[in-house]
Amino acid sequence: MPSLPRLMLTCLILLTAACSQFKETGRAISDENGIMLDSEEHLLGQKRYQITVRGSSILFDGQAEQFFNRRAEEYTHSLGCKGWKLISYQSGIENTLFGARRYARGVVECL
């Protein structure tokens, strides 16, 4: 039977290793109902940007497109675009260490 200090050290190492898989993906945002989301944006070139919005699999259900459109509007407006055009869009569920998360990802072009 392992000693308590050795068991605690082993648990700490395993916890640290699991946490090292996480990275900051963007900025946390919330809507007027307090639903927390995470978003990230990447420049693809030629005034095109990939925007990803992630949220809880329960609270985000059925609202992925709505939250994506809102984030695309906010982001392109902050860049000084007069509008934006959707080039591609997909949504689904991704697995994480703490369970499933819904996501919406698309490419938009700044007009």
N, C-alpha and C. Protein backbone atom coordinates (compact mmCIF):
# COMPACT_ATOMS: atom_id res chain seq x y z
N MET A 1 0.85 -1.18 0.00
CA MET A 1 0.00 0.00 0.00
C MET A 1 0.89 1.24 0.00
N PRO A 2 0.68 2.17 -0.96
CA PRO A 2 1.55 3.36 -1.04
C PRO A 2 1.32 4.30 0.14
N SER A 3 2.36 5.01 0.45
CA SER A 3 2.26 5.98 1.55
C SER A 3 1.44 7.19 1.09
N LEU A 4 0.89 7.91 2.04
CA LEU A 4 0.05 9.07 1.74
C LEU A 4 0.82 10.15 0.99
N PRO A 5 2.05 10.53 1.39
CA PRO A 5 2.78 11.55 0.63
C PRO A 5 3.05 11.12 -0.82
N ARG A 6 3.37 9.85 -1.01
CA ARG A 6 3.64 9.36 -2.38
C ARG A 6 2.37 9.39 -3.20
N LEU A 7 1.25 9.01 -2.60
CA LEU A 7 -0.03 9.05 -3.29
C LEU A 7 -0.41 10.48 -3.66
N MET A 8 -0.20 11.42 -2.74
CA MET A 8 -0.51 12.82 -3.01
C MET A 8 0.37 13.37 -4.12
N LEU A 9 1.64 13.02 -4.14
CA LEU A 9 2.55 13.47 -5.19
C LEU A 9 2.13 12.91 -6.54
N THR A 10 1.74 11.66 -6.56
CA THR A 10 1.29 11.04 -7.81
C THR A 10 0.04 11.74 -8.33
N CYS A 11 -0.90 12.03 -7.45
CA CYS A 11 -2.13 12.73 -7.86
C CYS A 11 -1.81 14.13 -8.39
N LEU A 12 -0.89 14.82 -7.75
CA LEU A 12 -0.51 16.15 -8.19
C LEU A 12 0.13 16.12 -9.57
N ILE A 13 0.97 15.15 -9.81
CA ILE A 13 1.62 15.01 -11.12
C ILE A 13 0.58 14.72 -12.19
N LEU A 14 -0.35 13.81 -11.91
CA LEU A 14 -1.39 13.49 -12.89
C LEU A 14 -2.30 14.68 -13.16
N LEU A 15 -2.64 15.42 -12.13
CA LEU A 15 -3.47 16.60 -12.31
C LEU A 15 -2.77 17.66 -13.14
N THR A 16 -1.49 17.88 -12.87
CA THR A 16 -0.70 18.85 -13.64
C THR A 16 -0.60 18.43 -15.10
N ALA A 17 -0.39 17.16 -15.35
CA ALA A 17 -0.31 16.67 -16.73
C ALA A 17 -1.62 16.86 -17.46
N ALA A 18 -2.73 16.61 -16.79
CA ALA A 18 -4.04 16.79 -17.42
C ALA A 18 -4.30 18.26 -17.73
N CYS A 19 -3.92 19.15 -16.83
CA CYS A 19 -4.16 20.57 -17.05
C CYS A 19 -3.28 21.14 -18.14
N SER A 20 -2.15 20.52 -18.41
CA SER A 20 -1.26 21.04 -19.44
C SER A 20 -1.84 20.88 -20.84
N GLN A 21 -2.92 20.11 -20.97
CA GLN A 21 -3.55 19.94 -22.28
C GLN A 21 -4.44 21.11 -22.63
N PHE A 22 -4.75 21.94 -21.66
CA PHE A 22 -5.61 23.08 -21.90
C PHE A 22 -4.80 24.26 -22.42
N LYS A 23 -5.43 25.07 -23.22
CA LYS A 23 -4.81 26.30 -23.68
C LYS A 23 -5.90 27.36 -23.78
N GLU A 24 -5.48 28.58 -23.71
CA GLU A 24 -6.44 29.66 -23.88
C GLU A 24 -6.78 29.74 -25.35
N THR A 25 -8.05 29.65 -25.68
CA THR A 25 -8.44 29.63 -27.08
C THR A 25 -8.90 30.97 -27.60
N GLY A 26 -9.18 31.87 -26.74
CA GLY A 26 -9.68 33.16 -27.21
C GLY A 26 -10.17 33.96 -26.04
N ARG A 27 -11.26 34.63 -26.25
CA ARG A 27 -11.78 35.43 -25.15
C ARG A 27 -13.13 34.88 -24.74
N ALA A 28 -13.38 34.91 -23.46
CA ALA A 28 -14.67 34.46 -22.94
C ALA A 28 -15.68 35.58 -23.12
N ILE A 29 -16.83 35.23 -23.60
CA ILE A 29 -17.90 36.21 -23.78
C ILE A 29 -19.18 35.62 -23.21
N SER A 30 -20.13 36.44 -22.92
CA SER A 30 -21.42 35.93 -22.44
C SER A 30 -22.53 36.76 -23.06
N ASP A 31 -23.67 36.13 -23.17
CA ASP A 31 -24.81 36.86 -23.71
C ASP A 31 -25.60 37.49 -22.57
N GLU A 32 -26.73 38.07 -22.90
CA GLU A 32 -27.53 38.76 -21.89
C GLU A 32 -28.10 37.81 -20.84
N ASN A 33 -28.11 36.52 -21.12
CA ASN A 33 -28.59 35.53 -20.16
C ASN A 33 -27.46 34.92 -19.34
N GLY A 34 -26.24 35.38 -19.57
CA GLY A 34 -25.11 34.88 -18.80
C GLY A 34 -24.51 33.58 -19.31
N ILE A 35 -24.88 33.15 -20.50
CA ILE A 35 -24.33 31.92 -21.06
C ILE A 35 -22.89 32.19 -21.48
N MET A 36 -21.97 31.46 -20.89
CA MET A 36 -20.56 31.68 -21.18
C MET A 36 -20.16 30.98 -22.47
N LEU A 37 -19.41 31.68 -23.26
CA LEU A 37 -18.91 31.18 -24.52
C LEU A 37 -17.43 31.47 -24.60
N ASP A 38 -16.79 30.85 -25.55
CA ASP A 38 -15.39 31.11 -25.82
C ASP A 38 -15.29 31.32 -27.32
N SER A 39 -14.53 32.31 -27.73
CA SER A 39 -14.40 32.54 -29.17
C SER A 39 -12.94 32.77 -29.53
N GLU A 40 -12.64 32.47 -30.77
CA GLU A 40 -11.30 32.76 -31.30
C GLU A 40 -11.43 33.14 -32.77
N GLU A 41 -10.53 33.97 -33.20
CA GLU A 41 -10.54 34.46 -34.57
C GLU A 41 -9.14 34.32 -35.14
N HIS A 42 -9.06 33.95 -36.42
CA HIS A 42 -7.76 33.82 -37.09
C HIS A 42 -7.84 34.45 -38.48
N LEU A 43 -6.85 35.25 -38.81
CA LEU A 43 -6.74 35.81 -40.15
C LEU A 43 -6.28 34.72 -41.11
N LEU A 44 -7.01 34.53 -42.19
CA LEU A 44 -6.64 33.55 -43.20
C LEU A 44 -6.00 34.21 -44.41
N GLY A 45 -6.09 35.52 -44.50
CA GLY A 45 -5.56 36.25 -45.65
C GLY A 45 -6.68 36.72 -46.55
N GLN A 46 -6.39 37.71 -47.38
CA GLN A 46 -7.34 38.27 -48.34
C GLN A 46 -8.66 38.65 -47.69
N LYS A 47 -8.58 39.31 -46.52
CA LYS A 47 -9.75 39.80 -45.80
C LYS A 47 -10.68 38.69 -45.33
N ARG A 48 -10.14 37.48 -45.19
CA ARG A 48 -10.94 36.35 -44.71
C ARG A 48 -10.48 35.95 -43.31
N TYR A 49 -11.46 35.63 -42.47
CA TYR A 49 -11.19 35.29 -41.08
C TYR A 49 -11.95 34.03 -40.71
N GLN A 50 -11.29 33.16 -39.96
CA GLN A 50 -11.99 32.00 -39.41
C GLN A 50 -12.41 32.35 -37.99
N ILE A 51 -13.68 32.20 -37.72
CA ILE A 51 -14.24 32.52 -36.40
C ILE A 51 -14.80 31.23 -35.81
N THR A 52 -14.43 30.96 -34.56
CA THR A 52 -14.94 29.78 -33.86
C THR A 52 -15.56 30.24 -32.55
N VAL A 53 -16.74 29.74 -32.27
CA VAL A 53 -17.43 30.02 -31.01
C VAL A 53 -17.74 28.67 -30.38
N ARG A 54 -17.41 28.54 -29.09
CA ARG A 54 -17.68 27.30 -28.36
C ARG A 54 -18.53 27.61 -27.14
N GLY A 55 -19.36 26.67 -26.76
CA GLY A 55 -20.19 26.85 -25.57
C GLY A 55 -20.59 25.53 -24.98
N SER A 56 -21.27 25.60 -23.87
CA SER A 56 -21.76 24.41 -23.17
C SER A 56 -22.64 23.58 -24.08
N SER A 57 -22.51 22.27 -23.98
CA SER A 57 -23.32 21.40 -24.83
C SER A 57 -24.80 21.49 -24.48
N ILE A 58 -25.12 21.90 -23.27
CA ILE A 58 -26.52 22.01 -22.87
C ILE A 58 -27.07 23.39 -23.22
N LEU A 59 -26.39 24.45 -22.81
CA LEU A 59 -26.90 25.81 -22.99
C LEU A 59 -26.75 26.32 -24.41
N PHE A 60 -25.80 25.77 -25.15
CA PHE A 60 -25.48 26.24 -26.49
C PHE A 60 -26.35 25.54 -27.54
N ASP A 61 -27.06 24.49 -27.14
CA ASP A 61 -27.82 23.66 -28.06
C ASP A 61 -28.85 24.50 -28.81
N GLY A 62 -28.83 24.40 -30.12
CA GLY A 62 -29.81 25.11 -30.93
C GLY A 62 -29.51 26.57 -31.15
N GLN A 63 -28.43 27.08 -30.56
CA GLN A 63 -28.13 28.50 -30.68
C GLN A 63 -26.77 28.76 -31.32
N ALA A 64 -26.12 27.73 -31.81
CA ALA A 64 -24.77 27.87 -32.36
C ALA A 64 -24.71 28.91 -33.48
N GLU A 65 -25.63 28.81 -34.42
CA GLU A 65 -25.61 29.74 -35.55
C GLU A 65 -25.87 31.18 -35.09
N GLN A 66 -26.78 31.34 -34.15
CA GLN A 66 -27.09 32.67 -33.63
C GLN A 66 -25.86 33.30 -32.97
N PHE A 67 -25.17 32.53 -32.12
CA PHE A 67 -23.98 33.06 -31.46
C PHE A 67 -22.85 33.30 -32.45
N PHE A 68 -22.71 32.43 -33.45
CA PHE A 68 -21.69 32.64 -34.47
C PHE A 68 -21.96 33.94 -35.23
N ASN A 69 -23.19 34.14 -35.66
CA ASN A 69 -23.53 35.36 -36.41
C ASN A 69 -23.27 36.61 -35.58
N ARG A 70 -23.63 36.57 -34.31
CA ARG A 70 -23.40 37.72 -33.44
C ARG A 70 -21.90 38.01 -33.31
N ARG A 71 -21.09 36.97 -33.12
CA ARG A 71 -19.64 37.17 -32.98
C ARG A 71 -19.03 37.65 -34.29
N ALA A 72 -19.49 37.11 -35.42
CA ALA A 72 -18.98 37.55 -36.72
C ALA A 72 -19.29 39.04 -36.93
N GLU A 73 -20.48 39.45 -36.56
CA GLU A 73 -20.88 40.86 -36.68
C GLU A 73 -20.00 41.75 -35.81
N GLU A 74 -19.82 41.35 -34.54
CA GLU A 74 -18.99 42.14 -33.62
C GLU A 74 -17.54 42.23 -34.11
N TYR A 75 -17.00 41.10 -34.51
CA TYR A 75 -15.59 41.06 -34.89
C TYR A 75 -15.33 41.86 -36.16
N THR A 76 -16.14 41.65 -37.19
CA THR A 76 -15.91 42.38 -38.44
C THR A 76 -16.14 43.88 -38.25
N HIS A 77 -17.09 44.25 -37.40
CA HIS A 77 -17.31 45.67 -37.10
C HIS A 77 -16.08 46.27 -36.42
N SER A 78 -15.46 45.51 -35.50
CA SER A 78 -14.26 46.01 -34.81
C SER A 78 -13.08 46.20 -35.76
N LEU A 79 -13.11 45.52 -36.91
CA LEU A 79 -12.05 45.66 -37.91
C LEU A 79 -12.34 46.81 -38.88
N GLY A 80 -13.52 47.39 -38.77
CA GLY A 80 -13.88 48.49 -39.66
C GLY A 80 -14.54 48.05 -40.94
N CYS A 81 -15.00 46.82 -40.99
CA CYS A 81 -15.69 46.31 -42.19
C CYS A 81 -17.09 46.90 -42.27
N LYS A 82 -17.55 47.12 -43.50
CA LYS A 82 -18.90 47.62 -43.70
C LYS A 82 -19.93 46.51 -43.60
N GLY A 83 -19.47 45.29 -43.72
CA GLY A 83 -20.33 44.12 -43.62
C GLY A 83 -19.46 42.88 -43.73
N TRP A 84 -20.10 41.73 -43.81
CA TRP A 84 -19.36 40.50 -43.96
C TRP A 84 -20.18 39.50 -44.75
N LYS A 85 -19.46 38.58 -45.39
CA LYS A 85 -20.10 37.54 -46.19
C LYS A 85 -19.61 36.20 -45.67
N LEU A 86 -20.54 35.28 -45.47
CA LEU A 86 -20.20 33.95 -44.99
C LEU A 86 -19.69 33.10 -46.14
N ILE A 87 -18.48 32.56 -45.98
CA ILE A 87 -17.88 31.71 -47.01
C ILE A 87 -18.15 30.24 -46.71
N SER A 88 -17.97 29.83 -45.46
CA SER A 88 -18.25 28.45 -45.06
C SER A 88 -18.66 28.43 -43.60
N TYR A 89 -19.41 27.38 -43.23
CA TYR A 89 -19.91 27.27 -41.86
C TYR A 89 -20.08 25.80 -41.51
N GLN A 90 -19.72 25.47 -40.27
CA GLN A 90 -20.00 24.13 -39.76
C GLN A 90 -20.21 24.22 -38.25
N SER A 91 -20.96 23.30 -37.73
CA SER A 91 -21.16 23.25 -36.28
C SER A 91 -21.22 21.78 -35.87
N GLY A 92 -20.94 21.55 -34.61
CA GLY A 92 -20.94 20.18 -34.13
C GLY A 92 -20.58 20.11 -32.66
N ILE A 93 -20.12 18.95 -32.25
CA ILE A 93 -19.74 18.70 -30.87
C ILE A 93 -18.31 18.20 -30.85
N GLU A 94 -17.49 18.78 -29.95
CA GLU A 94 -16.12 18.31 -29.78
C GLU A 94 -15.96 17.79 -28.36
N ASN A 95 -15.13 16.77 -28.22
CA ASN A 95 -14.88 16.18 -26.91
C ASN A 95 -13.76 16.93 -26.21
N THR A 96 -13.93 17.16 -24.91
CA THR A 96 -12.90 17.77 -24.09
C THR A 96 -12.71 16.89 -22.86
N LEU A 97 -11.76 17.25 -22.07
CA LEU A 97 -11.48 16.49 -20.85
C LEU A 97 -12.68 16.48 -19.91
N PHE A 98 -13.46 17.55 -19.90
CA PHE A 98 -14.60 17.67 -19.00
C PHE A 98 -15.93 17.37 -19.66
N GLY A 99 -15.92 16.83 -20.85
CA GLY A 99 -17.16 16.48 -21.53
C GLY A 99 -17.27 17.15 -22.88
N ALA A 100 -18.43 17.04 -23.46
CA ALA A 100 -18.65 17.57 -24.81
C ALA A 100 -18.94 19.06 -24.78
N ARG A 101 -18.48 19.73 -25.82
CA ARG A 101 -18.79 21.16 -26.02
C ARG A 101 -19.26 21.35 -27.44
N ARG A 102 -20.25 22.17 -27.60
CA ARG A 102 -20.73 22.50 -28.95
C ARG A 102 -19.86 23.62 -29.51
N TYR A 103 -19.72 23.61 -30.83
CA TYR A 103 -18.96 24.67 -31.48
C TYR A 103 -19.64 25.07 -32.78
N ALA A 104 -19.34 26.27 -33.21
CA ALA A 104 -19.73 26.78 -34.52
C ALA A 104 -18.49 27.43 -35.10
N ARG A 105 -18.13 27.05 -36.32
CA ARG A 105 -16.91 27.57 -36.95
C ARG A 105 -17.25 27.94 -38.38
N GLY A 106 -16.74 29.11 -38.78
CA GLY A 106 -16.98 29.53 -40.14
C GLY A 106 -15.90 30.48 -40.62
N VAL A 107 -15.89 30.65 -41.92
CA VAL A 107 -14.98 31.61 -42.55
C VAL A 107 -15.83 32.74 -43.09
N VAL A 108 -15.44 33.96 -42.73
CA VAL A 108 -16.15 35.14 -43.19
C VAL A 108 -15.19 36.04 -43.96
N GLU A 109 -15.76 36.78 -44.88
CA GLU A 109 -14.97 37.73 -45.66
C GLU A 109 -15.44 39.14 -45.32
N CYS A 110 -14.47 39.99 -45.02
CA CYS A 110 -14.74 41.37 -44.67
C CYS A 110 -15.08 42.16 -45.93
N LEU A 111 -16.21 42.87 -45.92
CA LEU A 111 -16.63 43.66 -47.09
C LEU A 111 -16.31 45.13 -46.87
